[in-house]
Amino acid sequence: ELLPLDLYKSDATKFLVENGALRPPFNSVPGIGTGAAVALVENRGDRVFHTIEEFRRQTRANSAVVAAMEKCGCFEGMTETDQISLF
């Protein structure tokens, strides 16, 4: 069984075994290179992200990496920004 990519659990370059299933690494996603994947893991720390903007600031991910992660469903349920729209 293949588990989904996870902001908090996925490794940069290694598939991880979790309860007999595999969790893919960030660099397995088209559009996320090994350098970007390693930077994501190093910069995310133990932080919980509330918005995509916060994730991007903390990890220094560029727009291409964020777009690739959005396609994989990594940010499901997360808002783009913490700004409130008045209109």
N, C-alpha and C. Protein backbone atom coordinates (compact mmCIF):
# COMPACT_ATOMS: atom_id res chain seq x y z
N GLU A 1 0.85 -1.17 0.00
CA GLU A 1 0.00 0.00 0.00
C GLU A 1 0.89 1.24 0.00
N LEU A 2 0.50 2.24 -0.74
CA LEU A 2 1.23 3.50 -0.81
C LEU A 2 0.44 4.57 -0.08
N LEU A 3 1.05 5.16 0.93
CA LEU A 3 0.43 6.22 1.71
C LEU A 3 0.60 7.55 0.99
N PRO A 4 -0.21 8.54 1.31
CA PRO A 4 -0.05 9.86 0.67
C PRO A 4 1.17 10.59 1.22
N LEU A 5 1.65 11.53 0.46
CA LEU A 5 2.72 12.41 0.90
C LEU A 5 2.19 13.18 2.11
N ASP A 6 3.03 13.42 3.10
CA ASP A 6 2.59 14.10 4.32
C ASP A 6 3.59 15.20 4.69
N LEU A 7 3.07 16.39 4.94
CA LEU A 7 3.93 17.54 5.28
C LEU A 7 4.83 17.25 6.48
N TYR A 8 4.34 16.46 7.41
CA TYR A 8 5.04 16.26 8.66
C TYR A 8 5.77 14.92 8.77
N LYS A 9 5.35 13.93 8.00
CA LYS A 9 5.92 12.59 8.12
C LYS A 9 6.85 12.18 6.99
N SER A 10 6.66 12.73 5.80
CA SER A 10 7.47 12.31 4.66
C SER A 10 8.92 12.75 4.83
N ASP A 11 9.83 11.89 4.37
CA ASP A 11 11.25 12.18 4.38
C ASP A 11 11.61 12.92 3.08
N ALA A 12 12.79 13.44 3.01
CA ALA A 12 13.22 14.15 1.80
C ALA A 12 13.47 13.18 0.65
N THR A 13 14.18 12.07 0.93
CA THR A 13 14.63 11.20 -0.16
C THR A 13 14.34 9.72 0.02
N LYS A 14 13.86 9.33 1.18
CA LYS A 14 13.65 7.90 1.46
C LYS A 14 12.18 7.55 1.62
N PHE A 15 11.78 6.41 1.07
CA PHE A 15 10.46 5.86 1.34
C PHE A 15 10.48 5.35 2.77
N LEU A 16 9.44 5.63 3.53
CA LEU A 16 9.35 5.19 4.91
C LEU A 16 8.29 4.10 5.04
N VAL A 17 8.56 3.11 5.87
CA VAL A 17 7.60 2.04 6.11
C VAL A 17 6.80 2.40 7.35
N GLU A 18 5.47 2.44 7.20
CA GLU A 18 4.57 2.73 8.32
C GLU A 18 3.47 1.68 8.33
N ASN A 19 3.47 0.84 9.34
CA ASN A 19 2.46 -0.21 9.48
C ASN A 19 2.32 -1.05 8.21
N GLY A 20 3.44 -1.41 7.60
CA GLY A 20 3.43 -2.25 6.42
C GLY A 20 3.14 -1.52 5.12
N ALA A 21 2.96 -0.22 5.17
CA ALA A 21 2.70 0.59 3.97
C ALA A 21 3.87 1.53 3.75
N LEU A 22 3.99 2.04 2.52
CA LEU A 22 5.08 2.95 2.19
C LEU A 22 4.62 4.39 2.09
N ARG A 23 5.38 5.28 2.72
CA ARG A 23 5.13 6.71 2.59
C ARG A 23 6.23 7.27 1.68
N PRO A 24 5.85 7.90 0.56
CA PRO A 24 6.85 8.39 -0.39
C PRO A 24 7.58 9.63 0.12
N PRO A 25 8.80 9.84 -0.38
CA PRO A 25 9.55 11.04 -0.02
C PRO A 25 9.13 12.22 -0.89
N PHE A 26 9.52 13.40 -0.48
CA PHE A 26 9.18 14.61 -1.23
C PHE A 26 9.79 14.60 -2.63
N ASN A 27 11.01 14.07 -2.77
CA ASN A 27 11.65 14.11 -4.09
C ASN A 27 11.05 13.11 -5.08
N SER A 28 10.08 12.33 -4.66
CA SER A 28 9.40 11.41 -5.59
C SER A 28 8.30 12.12 -6.37
N VAL A 29 7.99 13.36 -5.98
CA VAL A 29 6.95 14.14 -6.65
C VAL A 29 7.57 14.91 -7.81
N PRO A 30 7.00 14.78 -9.01
CA PRO A 30 7.51 15.57 -10.12
C PRO A 30 7.45 17.06 -9.81
N GLY A 31 8.56 17.74 -10.01
CA GLY A 31 8.61 19.17 -9.71
C GLY A 31 9.31 19.48 -8.40
N ILE A 32 9.61 18.45 -7.61
CA ILE A 32 10.34 18.66 -6.36
C ILE A 32 11.66 17.91 -6.46
N GLY A 33 12.74 18.66 -6.62
CA GLY A 33 14.06 18.06 -6.72
C GLY A 33 14.60 17.67 -5.36
N THR A 34 15.70 16.95 -5.37
CA THR A 34 16.31 16.48 -4.12
C THR A 34 16.74 17.64 -3.24
N GLY A 35 17.34 18.68 -3.83
CA GLY A 35 17.76 19.83 -3.03
C GLY A 35 16.60 20.51 -2.34
N ALA A 36 15.50 20.70 -3.07
CA ALA A 36 14.31 21.33 -2.49
C ALA A 36 13.71 20.43 -1.42
N ALA A 37 13.70 19.12 -1.65
CA ALA A 37 13.14 18.18 -0.68
C ALA A 37 13.93 18.20 0.62
N VAL A 38 15.25 18.21 0.51
CA VAL A 38 16.10 18.25 1.71
C VAL A 38 15.87 19.56 2.46
N ALA A 39 15.77 20.67 1.74
CA ALA A 39 15.51 21.97 2.38
C ALA A 39 14.17 21.97 3.09
N LEU A 40 13.14 21.36 2.48
CA LEU A 40 11.82 21.29 3.12
C LEU A 40 11.90 20.61 4.47
N VAL A 41 12.55 19.45 4.49
CA VAL A 41 12.63 18.66 5.72
C VAL A 41 13.47 19.39 6.77
N GLU A 42 14.58 19.99 6.36
CA GLU A 42 15.43 20.70 7.31
C GLU A 42 14.75 21.92 7.90
N ASN A 43 13.96 22.62 7.09
CA ASN A 43 13.36 23.88 7.53
C ASN A 43 11.99 23.74 8.19
N ARG A 44 11.33 22.59 8.03
CA ARG A 44 9.98 22.47 8.62
C ARG A 44 10.04 22.32 10.12
N GLY A 45 11.09 21.72 10.64
CA GLY A 45 11.21 21.53 12.08
C GLY A 45 10.03 20.76 12.64
N ASP A 46 9.64 21.10 13.86
CA ASP A 46 8.51 20.45 14.53
C ASP A 46 7.26 21.32 14.47
N ARG A 47 7.28 22.28 13.60
CA ARG A 47 6.22 23.28 13.50
C ARG A 47 4.95 22.70 12.87
N VAL A 48 3.81 23.19 13.32
CA VAL A 48 2.52 22.87 12.70
C VAL A 48 2.12 24.08 11.87
N PHE A 49 1.80 23.84 10.60
CA PHE A 49 1.47 24.92 9.69
C PHE A 49 -0.04 25.13 9.62
N HIS A 50 -0.45 26.39 9.68
CA HIS A 50 -1.87 26.73 9.62
C HIS A 50 -2.28 27.25 8.25
N THR A 51 -1.32 27.79 7.50
CA THR A 51 -1.61 28.30 6.16
C THR A 51 -0.49 27.89 5.21
N ILE A 52 -0.80 27.92 3.93
CA ILE A 52 0.21 27.62 2.91
C ILE A 52 1.29 28.70 2.94
N GLU A 53 0.88 29.93 3.15
CA GLU A 53 1.83 31.03 3.24
C GLU A 53 2.84 30.82 4.37
N GLU A 54 2.37 30.37 5.51
CA GLU A 54 3.24 30.09 6.65
C GLU A 54 4.22 28.96 6.31
N PHE A 55 3.71 27.91 5.66
CA PHE A 55 4.56 26.81 5.23
C PHE A 55 5.66 27.32 4.31
N ARG A 56 5.27 28.13 3.35
CA ARG A 56 6.21 28.66 2.36
C ARG A 56 7.29 29.52 3.01
N ARG A 57 6.90 30.37 3.96
CA ARG A 57 7.87 31.21 4.68
C ARG A 57 8.86 30.37 5.47
N GLN A 58 8.34 29.40 6.21
CA GLN A 58 9.19 28.59 7.09
C GLN A 58 10.14 27.70 6.31
N THR A 59 9.66 27.08 5.25
CA THR A 59 10.48 26.11 4.51
C THR A 59 11.24 26.73 3.35
N ARG A 60 10.88 27.97 3.00
CA ARG A 60 11.49 28.67 1.86
C ARG A 60 11.23 27.95 0.54
N ALA A 61 10.08 27.30 0.46
CA ALA A 61 9.69 26.58 -0.77
C ALA A 61 9.28 27.58 -1.84
N ASN A 62 9.71 27.34 -3.07
CA ASN A 62 9.31 28.25 -4.15
C ASN A 62 7.92 27.88 -4.67
N SER A 63 7.39 28.69 -5.56
CA SER A 63 6.02 28.49 -6.04
C SER A 63 5.85 27.18 -6.81
N ALA A 64 6.89 26.72 -7.51
CA ALA A 64 6.80 25.45 -8.24
C ALA A 64 6.68 24.27 -7.28
N VAL A 65 7.43 24.31 -6.19
CA VAL A 65 7.36 23.24 -5.19
C VAL A 65 5.99 23.25 -4.51
N VAL A 66 5.51 24.42 -4.15
CA VAL A 66 4.19 24.52 -3.52
C VAL A 66 3.11 24.02 -4.47
N ALA A 67 3.19 24.37 -5.74
CA ALA A 67 2.21 23.90 -6.73
C ALA A 67 2.24 22.38 -6.85
N ALA A 68 3.43 21.78 -6.87
CA ALA A 68 3.55 20.32 -6.95
C ALA A 68 2.95 19.65 -5.73
N MET A 69 3.15 20.26 -4.57
CA MET A 69 2.61 19.70 -3.33
C MET A 69 1.09 19.86 -3.28
N GLU A 70 0.58 20.95 -3.82
CA GLU A 70 -0.88 21.15 -3.87
C GLU A 70 -1.52 20.07 -4.74
N LYS A 71 -0.88 19.72 -5.85
CA LYS A 71 -1.41 18.68 -6.73
C LYS A 71 -1.50 17.33 -6.02
N CYS A 72 -0.60 17.11 -5.07
CA CYS A 72 -0.59 15.85 -4.31
C CYS A 72 -1.54 15.87 -3.12
N GLY A 73 -2.16 17.01 -2.87
CA GLY A 73 -3.11 17.11 -1.76
C GLY A 73 -2.47 17.39 -0.42
N CYS A 74 -1.23 17.85 -0.41
CA CYS A 74 -0.53 18.10 0.86
C CYS A 74 -1.16 19.20 1.71
N PHE A 75 -1.84 20.13 1.06
CA PHE A 75 -2.37 21.28 1.79
C PHE A 75 -3.89 21.21 1.95
N GLU A 76 -4.44 20.03 1.85
CA GLU A 76 -5.89 19.88 1.94
C GLU A 76 -6.41 20.40 3.27
N GLY A 77 -7.40 21.29 3.20
CA GLY A 77 -8.00 21.87 4.40
C GLY A 77 -7.24 23.07 4.93
N MET A 78 -6.13 23.42 4.30
CA MET A 78 -5.31 24.54 4.75
C MET A 78 -5.62 25.75 3.87
N THR A 79 -5.77 26.91 4.49
CA THR A 79 -6.04 28.11 3.71
C THR A 79 -4.75 28.66 3.11
N GLU A 80 -4.90 29.48 2.10
CA GLU A 80 -3.74 30.07 1.41
C GLU A 80 -3.00 31.04 2.33
N THR A 81 -3.76 31.88 3.02
CA THR A 81 -3.16 32.92 3.87
C THR A 81 -4.03 33.12 5.10
N ASP A 82 -3.49 33.80 6.08
CA ASP A 82 -4.28 34.07 7.29
C ASP A 82 -4.96 35.43 7.21
N GLN A 83 -4.86 36.07 6.07
CA GLN A 83 -5.54 37.36 5.88
C GLN A 83 -7.03 37.15 5.70
N ILE A 84 -7.81 38.03 6.27
CA ILE A 84 -9.27 37.95 6.15
C ILE A 84 -9.72 38.86 5.03
N SER A 85 -10.57 38.35 4.16
CA SER A 85 -11.09 39.14 3.06
C SER A 85 -12.36 39.86 3.53
N LEU A 86 -12.42 41.15 3.26
CA LEU A 86 -13.59 41.92 3.68
C LEU A 86 -14.69 41.91 2.64
N PHE A 87 -14.35 41.49 1.42
CA PHE A 87 -15.36 41.51 0.36
C PHE A 87 -15.55 40.14 -0.21
